Amino acid sequence: MRQLMTGLLVVTLMILISVKLWAHGDDATPNQVLTGEVVCVSCYLAHDGIGEDHAKCAKKCFQKGMPMGLKVGNKLYLVVGEGHASANAMLSAYAGEKVTVSGHLLEKDGMSMIEIESIQKLSSSKDPTVHQVYVCPMDGTMSDNPGKCPKCGMEMKEKK
């Protein structure tokens, strides 16, 4: 009986540890692609600090460790690096410019964050194109491109 209880305890612990690792693993959320402007979160929220006119200030803020954001349309995403590390070293050169990032998107309680894995600068920081966000009505997967959801195959809808 003692061996059975010990075995059940070990199996239970292994399951709990596996669930915990899976829930916080690197691939816990699907990879997403977003295109937007790199901004200083503090400056954007405090005084609408955006664009080339604000890039120099944003770079100074990033050197101080202020949080970075990606403004996509009318939505602001907090930006972090892989493993929830600071993204400042990766993105500070792009302050005030439009970039396309790929990574894991996390949303909770009205807050949105993208843990970036790759960055691509757009050819022109003066690109007037507004980049729309598309969302899967079934599972909430988001993209800046229309088409079919990579997870379930449903048609992505324009996010209002």
N, C-alpha and C. Protein backbone atom coordinates (compact mmCIF):
# COMPACT_ATOMS: atom_id res chain seq x y z
N MET A 1 0.82 -1.20 0.00
CA MET A 1 0.00 0.00 0.00
C MET A 1 0.87 1.26 0.00
N ARG A 2 1.95 1.21 0.76
CA ARG A 2 2.84 2.36 0.86
C ARG A 2 3.48 2.65 -0.51
N GLN A 3 3.86 1.61 -1.25
CA GLN A 3 4.44 1.80 -2.57
C GLN A 3 3.42 2.40 -3.53
N LEU A 4 2.18 1.97 -3.44
CA LEU A 4 1.12 2.50 -4.29
C LEU A 4 0.92 3.99 -4.02
N MET A 5 0.88 4.38 -2.76
CA MET A 5 0.70 5.79 -2.41
C MET A 5 1.89 6.62 -2.87
N THR A 6 3.10 6.09 -2.69
CA THR A 6 4.30 6.80 -3.14
C THR A 6 4.27 6.96 -4.66
N GLY A 7 3.89 5.92 -5.36
CA GLY A 7 3.80 5.98 -6.82
C GLY A 7 2.77 7.00 -7.28
N LEU A 8 1.61 7.03 -6.64
CA LEU A 8 0.58 8.01 -6.98
C LEU A 8 1.05 9.44 -6.71
N LEU A 9 1.76 9.62 -5.63
CA LEU A 9 2.29 10.94 -5.29
C LEU A 9 3.30 11.40 -6.35
N VAL A 10 4.19 10.51 -6.76
CA VAL A 10 5.19 10.85 -7.77
C VAL A 10 4.51 11.19 -9.10
N VAL A 11 3.53 10.40 -9.51
CA VAL A 11 2.82 10.66 -10.76
C VAL A 11 2.08 11.99 -10.68
N THR A 12 1.43 12.26 -9.56
CA THR A 12 0.71 13.52 -9.38
C THR A 12 1.66 14.71 -9.46
N LEU A 13 2.80 14.61 -8.81
CA LEU A 13 3.80 15.69 -8.86
C LEU A 13 4.31 15.90 -10.28
N MET A 14 4.55 14.81 -11.00
CA MET A 14 5.02 14.92 -12.38
C MET A 14 3.98 15.62 -13.25
N ILE A 15 2.73 15.30 -13.06
CA ILE A 15 1.67 15.93 -13.83
C ILE A 15 1.59 17.42 -13.51
N LEU A 16 1.64 17.76 -12.22
CA LEU A 16 1.58 19.17 -11.83
C LEU A 16 2.75 19.97 -12.38
N ILE A 17 3.94 19.39 -12.32
CA ILE A 17 5.13 20.08 -12.85
C ILE A 17 5.01 20.24 -14.36
N SER A 18 4.54 19.20 -15.05
CA SER A 18 4.37 19.28 -16.51
C SER A 18 3.37 20.35 -16.89
N VAL A 19 2.25 20.43 -16.19
CA VAL A 19 1.24 21.44 -16.48
C VAL A 19 1.82 22.83 -16.25
N LYS A 20 2.55 23.02 -15.17
CA LYS A 20 3.15 24.32 -14.86
C LYS A 20 4.14 24.72 -15.95
N LEU A 21 5.00 23.80 -16.38
CA LEU A 21 5.97 24.10 -17.43
C LEU A 21 5.27 24.38 -18.75
N TRP A 22 4.23 23.63 -19.07
CA TRP A 22 3.51 23.83 -20.31
C TRP A 22 2.82 25.19 -20.30
N ALA A 23 2.21 25.55 -19.19
CA ALA A 23 1.46 26.80 -19.10
C ALA A 23 2.37 28.02 -19.21
N HIS A 24 3.64 27.88 -18.88
CA HIS A 24 4.55 29.01 -18.94
C HIS A 24 5.69 28.75 -19.91
N GLY A 25 5.52 27.78 -20.78
CA GLY A 25 6.56 27.45 -21.74
C GLY A 25 6.66 28.48 -22.84
N ASP A 26 7.75 28.41 -23.61
CA ASP A 26 7.98 29.36 -24.70
C ASP A 26 6.90 29.28 -25.77
N ASP A 27 6.32 28.12 -25.98
CA ASP A 27 5.34 27.96 -27.03
C ASP A 27 3.92 27.90 -26.48
N ALA A 28 3.66 28.55 -25.37
CA ALA A 28 2.34 28.52 -24.75
C ALA A 28 1.30 29.26 -25.59
N THR A 29 1.73 30.23 -26.40
CA THR A 29 0.82 30.95 -27.27
C THR A 29 1.36 30.89 -28.69
N PRO A 30 0.49 30.95 -29.68
CA PRO A 30 0.98 30.88 -31.06
C PRO A 30 1.75 32.14 -31.45
N ASN A 31 2.67 31.99 -32.39
CA ASN A 31 3.43 33.13 -32.89
C ASN A 31 2.50 34.07 -33.65
N GLN A 32 2.65 35.37 -33.42
CA GLN A 32 1.85 36.39 -34.08
C GLN A 32 2.78 37.37 -34.77
N VAL A 33 2.26 38.07 -35.76
CA VAL A 33 3.01 39.10 -36.46
C VAL A 33 2.23 40.41 -36.35
N LEU A 34 2.90 41.45 -35.86
CA LEU A 34 2.28 42.77 -35.73
C LEU A 34 3.17 43.82 -36.37
N THR A 35 2.57 44.83 -36.96
CA THR A 35 3.30 45.95 -37.54
C THR A 35 2.81 47.23 -36.88
N GLY A 36 3.75 48.00 -36.37
CA GLY A 36 3.39 49.25 -35.72
C GLY A 36 4.61 50.09 -35.40
N GLU A 37 4.38 51.18 -34.68
CA GLU A 37 5.46 52.11 -34.33
C GLU A 37 6.02 51.80 -32.95
N VAL A 38 7.35 51.83 -32.86
CA VAL A 38 8.03 51.63 -31.57
C VAL A 38 7.93 52.92 -30.78
N VAL A 39 7.34 52.85 -29.58
CA VAL A 39 7.15 54.04 -28.74
C VAL A 39 7.62 53.75 -27.32
N CYS A 40 7.90 54.83 -26.60
CA CYS A 40 8.13 54.74 -25.16
C CYS A 40 6.75 54.73 -24.51
N VAL A 41 6.44 53.70 -23.75
CA VAL A 41 5.11 53.58 -23.14
C VAL A 41 4.81 54.79 -22.26
N SER A 42 5.77 55.19 -21.45
CA SER A 42 5.55 56.33 -20.54
C SER A 42 5.26 57.62 -21.29
N CYS A 43 6.06 57.92 -22.30
CA CYS A 43 5.87 59.15 -23.07
C CYS A 43 4.56 59.12 -23.85
N TYR A 44 4.23 57.96 -24.41
CA TYR A 44 3.00 57.85 -25.18
C TYR A 44 1.78 58.09 -24.28
N LEU A 45 1.77 57.46 -23.11
CA LEU A 45 0.63 57.61 -22.21
C LEU A 45 0.56 59.01 -21.59
N ALA A 46 1.71 59.59 -21.29
CA ALA A 46 1.73 60.88 -20.60
C ALA A 46 1.45 62.06 -21.53
N HIS A 47 2.03 62.03 -22.76
CA HIS A 47 1.87 63.20 -23.64
C HIS A 47 1.88 62.85 -25.12
N ASP A 48 1.29 61.71 -25.46
CA ASP A 48 1.16 61.29 -26.87
C ASP A 48 2.48 61.33 -27.63
N GLY A 49 3.58 60.94 -26.98
CA GLY A 49 4.89 60.94 -27.62
C GLY A 49 5.01 59.88 -28.69
N ILE A 50 4.88 60.31 -29.96
CA ILE A 50 4.99 59.37 -31.09
C ILE A 50 5.74 60.03 -32.24
N GLY A 51 6.14 59.23 -33.23
CA GLY A 51 6.71 59.74 -34.47
C GLY A 51 8.17 60.12 -34.37
N GLU A 52 8.67 60.55 -35.53
CA GLU A 52 10.08 60.94 -35.63
C GLU A 52 10.43 62.09 -34.69
N ASP A 53 9.48 62.99 -34.47
CA ASP A 53 9.73 64.13 -33.59
C ASP A 53 10.03 63.69 -32.16
N HIS A 54 9.54 62.52 -31.78
CA HIS A 54 9.72 62.05 -30.41
C HIS A 54 10.77 60.94 -30.30
N ALA A 55 11.36 60.53 -31.39
CA ALA A 55 12.30 59.40 -31.39
C ALA A 55 13.51 59.63 -30.47
N LYS A 56 14.07 60.83 -30.49
CA LYS A 56 15.26 61.12 -29.67
C LYS A 56 14.94 60.99 -28.19
N CYS A 57 13.80 61.51 -27.78
CA CYS A 57 13.37 61.41 -26.38
C CYS A 57 13.13 59.95 -26.00
N ALA A 58 12.47 59.21 -26.90
CA ALA A 58 12.19 57.79 -26.63
C ALA A 58 13.48 57.00 -26.44
N LYS A 59 14.49 57.27 -27.26
CA LYS A 59 15.76 56.56 -27.14
C LYS A 59 16.41 56.83 -25.78
N LYS A 60 16.30 58.07 -25.30
CA LYS A 60 16.84 58.40 -23.98
C LYS A 60 16.08 57.64 -22.89
N CYS A 61 14.77 57.57 -23.05
CA CYS A 61 13.95 56.84 -22.08
C CYS A 61 14.33 55.35 -22.07
N PHE A 62 14.55 54.76 -23.25
CA PHE A 62 14.91 53.35 -23.34
C PHE A 62 16.25 53.08 -22.67
N GLN A 63 17.20 54.04 -22.78
CA GLN A 63 18.49 53.89 -22.11
C GLN A 63 18.34 53.88 -20.60
N LYS A 64 17.30 54.57 -20.10
CA LYS A 64 17.03 54.59 -18.66
C LYS A 64 16.26 53.36 -18.20
N GLY A 65 15.84 52.51 -19.18
CA GLY A 65 15.11 51.29 -18.82
C GLY A 65 13.60 51.43 -18.84
N MET A 66 13.10 52.54 -19.40
CA MET A 66 11.66 52.72 -19.48
C MET A 66 11.06 51.66 -20.40
N PRO A 67 9.81 51.27 -20.19
CA PRO A 67 9.20 50.21 -21.00
C PRO A 67 8.92 50.65 -22.43
N MET A 68 9.07 49.70 -23.35
CA MET A 68 8.82 49.94 -24.76
C MET A 68 7.42 49.47 -25.13
N GLY A 69 6.88 50.09 -26.17
CA GLY A 69 5.59 49.68 -26.66
C GLY A 69 5.58 49.63 -28.17
N LEU A 70 4.58 48.95 -28.70
CA LEU A 70 4.35 48.90 -30.14
C LEU A 70 2.92 49.40 -30.36
N LYS A 71 2.80 50.56 -31.04
CA LYS A 71 1.48 51.14 -31.31
C LYS A 71 1.01 50.61 -32.66
N VAL A 72 -0.04 49.79 -32.60
CA VAL A 72 -0.63 49.19 -33.80
C VAL A 72 -2.04 49.75 -33.94
N GLY A 73 -2.23 50.63 -34.90
CA GLY A 73 -3.53 51.30 -35.03
C GLY A 73 -3.81 52.10 -33.77
N ASN A 74 -4.93 51.82 -33.12
CA ASN A 74 -5.25 52.53 -31.88
C ASN A 74 -5.00 51.66 -30.65
N LYS A 75 -4.17 50.63 -30.79
CA LYS A 75 -3.88 49.74 -29.68
C LYS A 75 -2.39 49.78 -29.34
N LEU A 76 -2.09 49.77 -28.04
CA LEU A 76 -0.71 49.80 -27.57
C LEU A 76 -0.37 48.45 -26.95
N TYR A 77 0.74 47.86 -27.40
CA TYR A 77 1.23 46.59 -26.86
C TYR A 77 2.51 46.86 -26.09
N LEU A 78 2.60 46.34 -24.88
CA LEU A 78 3.85 46.35 -24.15
C LEU A 78 4.77 45.37 -24.87
N VAL A 79 6.05 45.71 -25.04
CA VAL A 79 6.98 44.86 -25.76
C VAL A 79 8.04 44.34 -24.80
N VAL A 80 8.24 43.02 -24.80
CA VAL A 80 9.31 42.41 -24.02
C VAL A 80 10.09 41.49 -24.94
N GLY A 81 11.31 41.15 -24.51
CA GLY A 81 12.13 40.22 -25.27
C GLY A 81 11.82 38.79 -24.87
N GLU A 82 12.53 37.86 -25.49
CA GLU A 82 12.31 36.45 -25.19
C GLU A 82 12.57 36.18 -23.71
N GLY A 83 11.77 35.30 -23.14
CA GLY A 83 11.91 34.97 -21.72
C GLY A 83 11.49 36.10 -20.81
N HIS A 84 10.68 37.02 -21.31
CA HIS A 84 10.19 38.19 -20.57
C HIS A 84 11.32 39.17 -20.21
N ALA A 85 12.42 39.10 -20.95
CA ALA A 85 13.53 40.02 -20.73
C ALA A 85 13.20 41.38 -21.36
N SER A 86 13.96 42.38 -21.03
CA SER A 86 13.77 43.71 -21.62
C SER A 86 14.06 43.64 -23.12
N ALA A 87 13.27 44.36 -23.88
CA ALA A 87 13.47 44.43 -25.33
C ALA A 87 14.20 45.70 -25.73
N ASN A 88 14.60 46.50 -24.74
CA ASN A 88 15.18 47.81 -25.03
C ASN A 88 16.41 47.73 -25.93
N ALA A 89 17.31 46.79 -25.69
CA ALA A 89 18.51 46.68 -26.51
C ALA A 89 18.15 46.28 -27.94
N MET A 90 17.12 45.48 -28.09
CA MET A 90 16.72 45.00 -29.41
C MET A 90 16.01 46.07 -30.24
N LEU A 91 15.21 46.91 -29.59
CA LEU A 91 14.33 47.83 -30.33
C LEU A 91 14.66 49.30 -30.21
N SER A 92 15.57 49.70 -29.34
CA SER A 92 15.77 51.14 -29.12
C SER A 92 16.20 51.87 -30.39
N ALA A 93 16.91 51.23 -31.28
CA ALA A 93 17.33 51.87 -32.53
C ALA A 93 16.14 52.20 -33.43
N TYR A 94 14.99 51.58 -33.18
CA TYR A 94 13.81 51.77 -34.02
C TYR A 94 12.80 52.75 -33.42
N ALA A 95 13.17 53.48 -32.39
CA ALA A 95 12.24 54.42 -31.74
C ALA A 95 11.64 55.37 -32.77
N GLY A 96 10.32 55.50 -32.75
CA GLY A 96 9.63 56.40 -33.66
C GLY A 96 9.47 55.86 -35.07
N GLU A 97 9.91 54.63 -35.31
CA GLU A 97 9.82 54.04 -36.64
C GLU A 97 8.83 52.87 -36.64
N LYS A 98 8.36 52.52 -37.83
CA LYS A 98 7.47 51.37 -37.97
C LYS A 98 8.29 50.11 -38.21
N VAL A 99 7.92 49.07 -37.48
CA VAL A 99 8.57 47.78 -37.61
C VAL A 99 7.51 46.68 -37.65
N THR A 100 7.92 45.53 -38.12
CA THR A 100 7.09 44.34 -38.04
C THR A 100 7.79 43.40 -37.09
N VAL A 101 7.08 42.96 -36.06
CA VAL A 101 7.65 42.04 -35.07
C VAL A 101 6.88 40.74 -35.09
N SER A 102 7.58 39.68 -34.73
CA SER A 102 6.96 38.37 -34.62
C SER A 102 7.23 37.87 -33.22
N GLY A 103 6.23 37.26 -32.61
CA GLY A 103 6.42 36.74 -31.26
C GLY A 103 5.12 36.25 -30.66
N HIS A 104 5.17 36.00 -29.37
CA HIS A 104 4.01 35.47 -28.65
C HIS A 104 3.20 36.62 -28.06
N LEU A 105 1.92 36.61 -28.37
CA LEU A 105 1.00 37.66 -27.92
C LEU A 105 0.28 37.18 -26.66
N LEU A 106 0.27 38.02 -25.63
CA LEU A 106 -0.40 37.70 -24.38
C LEU A 106 -1.35 38.84 -24.04
N GLU A 107 -2.58 38.52 -23.68
CA GLU A 107 -3.57 39.53 -23.31
C GLU A 107 -4.32 39.09 -22.07
N LYS A 108 -4.49 40.04 -21.14
CA LYS A 108 -5.21 39.73 -19.91
C LYS A 108 -5.65 41.03 -19.26
N ASP A 109 -6.88 41.05 -18.77
CA ASP A 109 -7.42 42.20 -18.02
C ASP A 109 -7.22 43.53 -18.75
N GLY A 110 -7.39 43.53 -20.07
CA GLY A 110 -7.29 44.75 -20.85
C GLY A 110 -5.87 45.14 -21.24
N MET A 111 -4.88 44.38 -20.81
CA MET A 111 -3.48 44.67 -21.12
C MET A 111 -3.01 43.73 -22.21
N SER A 112 -2.21 44.23 -23.14
CA SER A 112 -1.67 43.41 -24.22
C SER A 112 -0.15 43.52 -24.24
N MET A 113 0.50 42.37 -24.48
CA MET A 113 1.96 42.32 -24.49
C MET A 113 2.39 41.38 -25.60
N ILE A 114 3.49 41.71 -26.27
CA ILE A 114 4.07 40.79 -27.24
C ILE A 114 5.51 40.52 -26.84
N GLU A 115 5.84 39.24 -26.75
CA GLU A 115 7.20 38.79 -26.44
C GLU A 115 7.86 38.53 -27.79
N ILE A 116 8.70 39.45 -28.23
CA ILE A 116 9.19 39.40 -29.61
C ILE A 116 10.34 38.42 -29.79
N GLU A 117 10.33 37.80 -30.96
CA GLU A 117 11.39 36.89 -31.37
C GLU A 117 12.16 37.43 -32.57
N SER A 118 11.48 38.23 -33.43
CA SER A 118 12.17 38.80 -34.59
C SER A 118 11.61 40.18 -34.88
N ILE A 119 12.45 41.01 -35.53
CA ILE A 119 12.10 42.38 -35.86
C ILE A 119 12.47 42.63 -37.31
N GLN A 120 11.60 43.34 -38.02
CA GLN A 120 11.90 43.74 -39.38
C GLN A 120 11.47 45.19 -39.54
N LYS A 121 12.42 46.05 -39.93
CA LYS A 121 12.11 47.46 -40.13
C LYS A 121 11.39 47.62 -41.46
N LEU A 122 10.37 48.47 -41.48
CA LEU A 122 9.68 48.76 -42.74
C LEU A 122 10.58 49.65 -43.59
N SER A 123 10.39 49.60 -44.88
CA SER A 123 11.26 50.33 -45.80
C SER A 123 11.22 51.84 -45.60
N SER A 124 10.08 52.37 -45.13
CA SER A 124 9.97 53.81 -44.93
C SER A 124 9.26 54.09 -43.62
N SER A 125 9.90 54.91 -42.76
CA SER A 125 9.25 55.26 -41.49
C SER A 125 8.13 56.26 -41.71
N LYS A 126 8.04 56.83 -42.92
CA LYS A 126 6.99 57.79 -43.23
C LYS A 126 5.83 57.11 -43.96
N ASP A 127 5.78 55.81 -43.90
CA ASP A 127 4.72 55.04 -44.55
C ASP A 127 3.37 55.44 -43.97
N PRO A 128 2.48 56.05 -44.77
CA PRO A 128 1.21 56.52 -44.24
C PRO A 128 0.17 55.41 -44.09
N THR A 129 0.50 54.20 -44.52
CA THR A 129 -0.45 53.10 -44.46
C THR A 129 -0.82 52.77 -43.02
N VAL A 130 -2.11 52.65 -42.77
CA VAL A 130 -2.57 52.24 -41.45
C VAL A 130 -2.64 50.71 -41.47
N HIS A 131 -2.01 50.09 -40.52
CA HIS A 131 -1.99 48.64 -40.45
C HIS A 131 -3.11 48.14 -39.56
N GLN A 132 -4.03 47.42 -40.15
CA GLN A 132 -5.19 46.91 -39.44
C GLN A 132 -4.84 45.59 -38.76
N VAL A 133 -5.47 45.31 -37.65
CA VAL A 133 -5.29 44.06 -36.92
C VAL A 133 -6.49 43.17 -37.24
N TYR A 134 -6.22 41.89 -37.50
CA TYR A 134 -7.27 40.92 -37.79
C TYR A 134 -7.27 39.88 -36.68
N VAL A 135 -8.48 39.40 -36.34
CA VAL A 135 -8.62 38.46 -35.23
C VAL A 135 -9.51 37.29 -35.66
N CYS A 136 -9.19 36.11 -35.15
CA CYS A 136 -10.00 34.93 -35.41
C CYS A 136 -11.20 34.96 -34.47
N PRO A 137 -12.42 34.86 -34.99
CA PRO A 137 -13.60 34.90 -34.13
C PRO A 137 -13.73 33.66 -33.25
N MET A 138 -13.03 32.58 -33.60
CA MET A 138 -13.12 31.33 -32.86
C MET A 138 -12.20 31.31 -31.64
N ASP A 139 -10.91 31.63 -31.86
CA ASP A 139 -9.94 31.46 -30.77
C ASP A 139 -9.16 32.72 -30.40
N GLY A 140 -9.43 33.84 -31.08
CA GLY A 140 -8.79 35.10 -30.71
C GLY A 140 -7.39 35.30 -31.26
N THR A 141 -6.89 34.41 -32.12
CA THR A 141 -5.58 34.58 -32.72
C THR A 141 -5.57 35.89 -33.50
N MET A 142 -4.49 36.70 -33.36
CA MET A 142 -4.43 38.00 -34.00
C MET A 142 -3.30 38.05 -35.02
N SER A 143 -3.49 38.88 -36.05
CA SER A 143 -2.50 39.06 -37.10
C SER A 143 -2.71 40.42 -37.73
N ASP A 144 -1.68 40.94 -38.42
CA ASP A 144 -1.89 42.18 -39.16
C ASP A 144 -2.20 41.89 -40.63
N ASN A 145 -2.41 40.60 -40.95
CA ASN A 145 -2.76 40.20 -42.31
C ASN A 145 -4.10 39.48 -42.32
N PRO A 146 -4.94 39.78 -43.33
CA PRO A 146 -6.19 39.03 -43.45
C PRO A 146 -5.91 37.61 -43.93
N GLY A 147 -6.91 36.76 -43.89
CA GLY A 147 -6.74 35.39 -44.36
C GLY A 147 -7.34 34.41 -43.38
N LYS A 148 -6.83 33.21 -43.42
CA LYS A 148 -7.34 32.14 -42.56
C LYS A 148 -6.50 32.03 -41.30
N CYS A 149 -7.16 31.68 -40.19
CA CYS A 149 -6.49 31.48 -38.90
C CYS A 149 -5.57 30.27 -39.01
N PRO A 150 -4.31 30.41 -38.57
CA PRO A 150 -3.40 29.27 -38.64
C PRO A 150 -3.74 28.14 -37.68
N LYS A 151 -4.54 28.44 -36.65
CA LYS A 151 -4.90 27.41 -35.67
C LYS A 151 -6.13 26.61 -36.07
N CYS A 152 -7.20 27.32 -36.51
CA CYS A 152 -8.47 26.62 -36.75
C CYS A 152 -8.95 26.71 -38.19
N GLY A 153 -8.36 27.58 -38.99
CA GLY A 153 -8.73 27.68 -40.40
C GLY A 153 -9.88 28.62 -40.70
N MET A 154 -10.46 29.24 -39.65
CA MET A 154 -11.57 30.19 -39.89
C MET A 154 -11.03 31.48 -40.51
N GLU A 155 -11.89 32.21 -41.19
CA GLU A 155 -11.53 33.47 -41.80
C GLU A 155 -11.28 34.52 -40.71
N MET A 156 -10.14 35.21 -40.79
CA MET A 156 -9.82 36.27 -39.83
C MET A 156 -10.72 37.47 -40.10
N LYS A 157 -11.20 38.14 -39.05
CA LYS A 157 -12.06 39.31 -39.17
C LYS A 157 -11.30 40.56 -38.76
N GLU A 158 -11.62 41.68 -39.40
CA GLU A 158 -10.99 42.94 -39.07
C GLU A 158 -11.39 43.35 -37.67
N LYS A 159 -10.40 43.66 -36.82
CA LYS A 159 -10.68 44.08 -35.45
C LYS A 159 -11.06 45.55 -35.45
N LYS A 160 -12.18 45.86 -34.84
CA LYS A 160 -12.67 47.25 -34.80
C LYS A 160 -12.11 47.99 -33.63
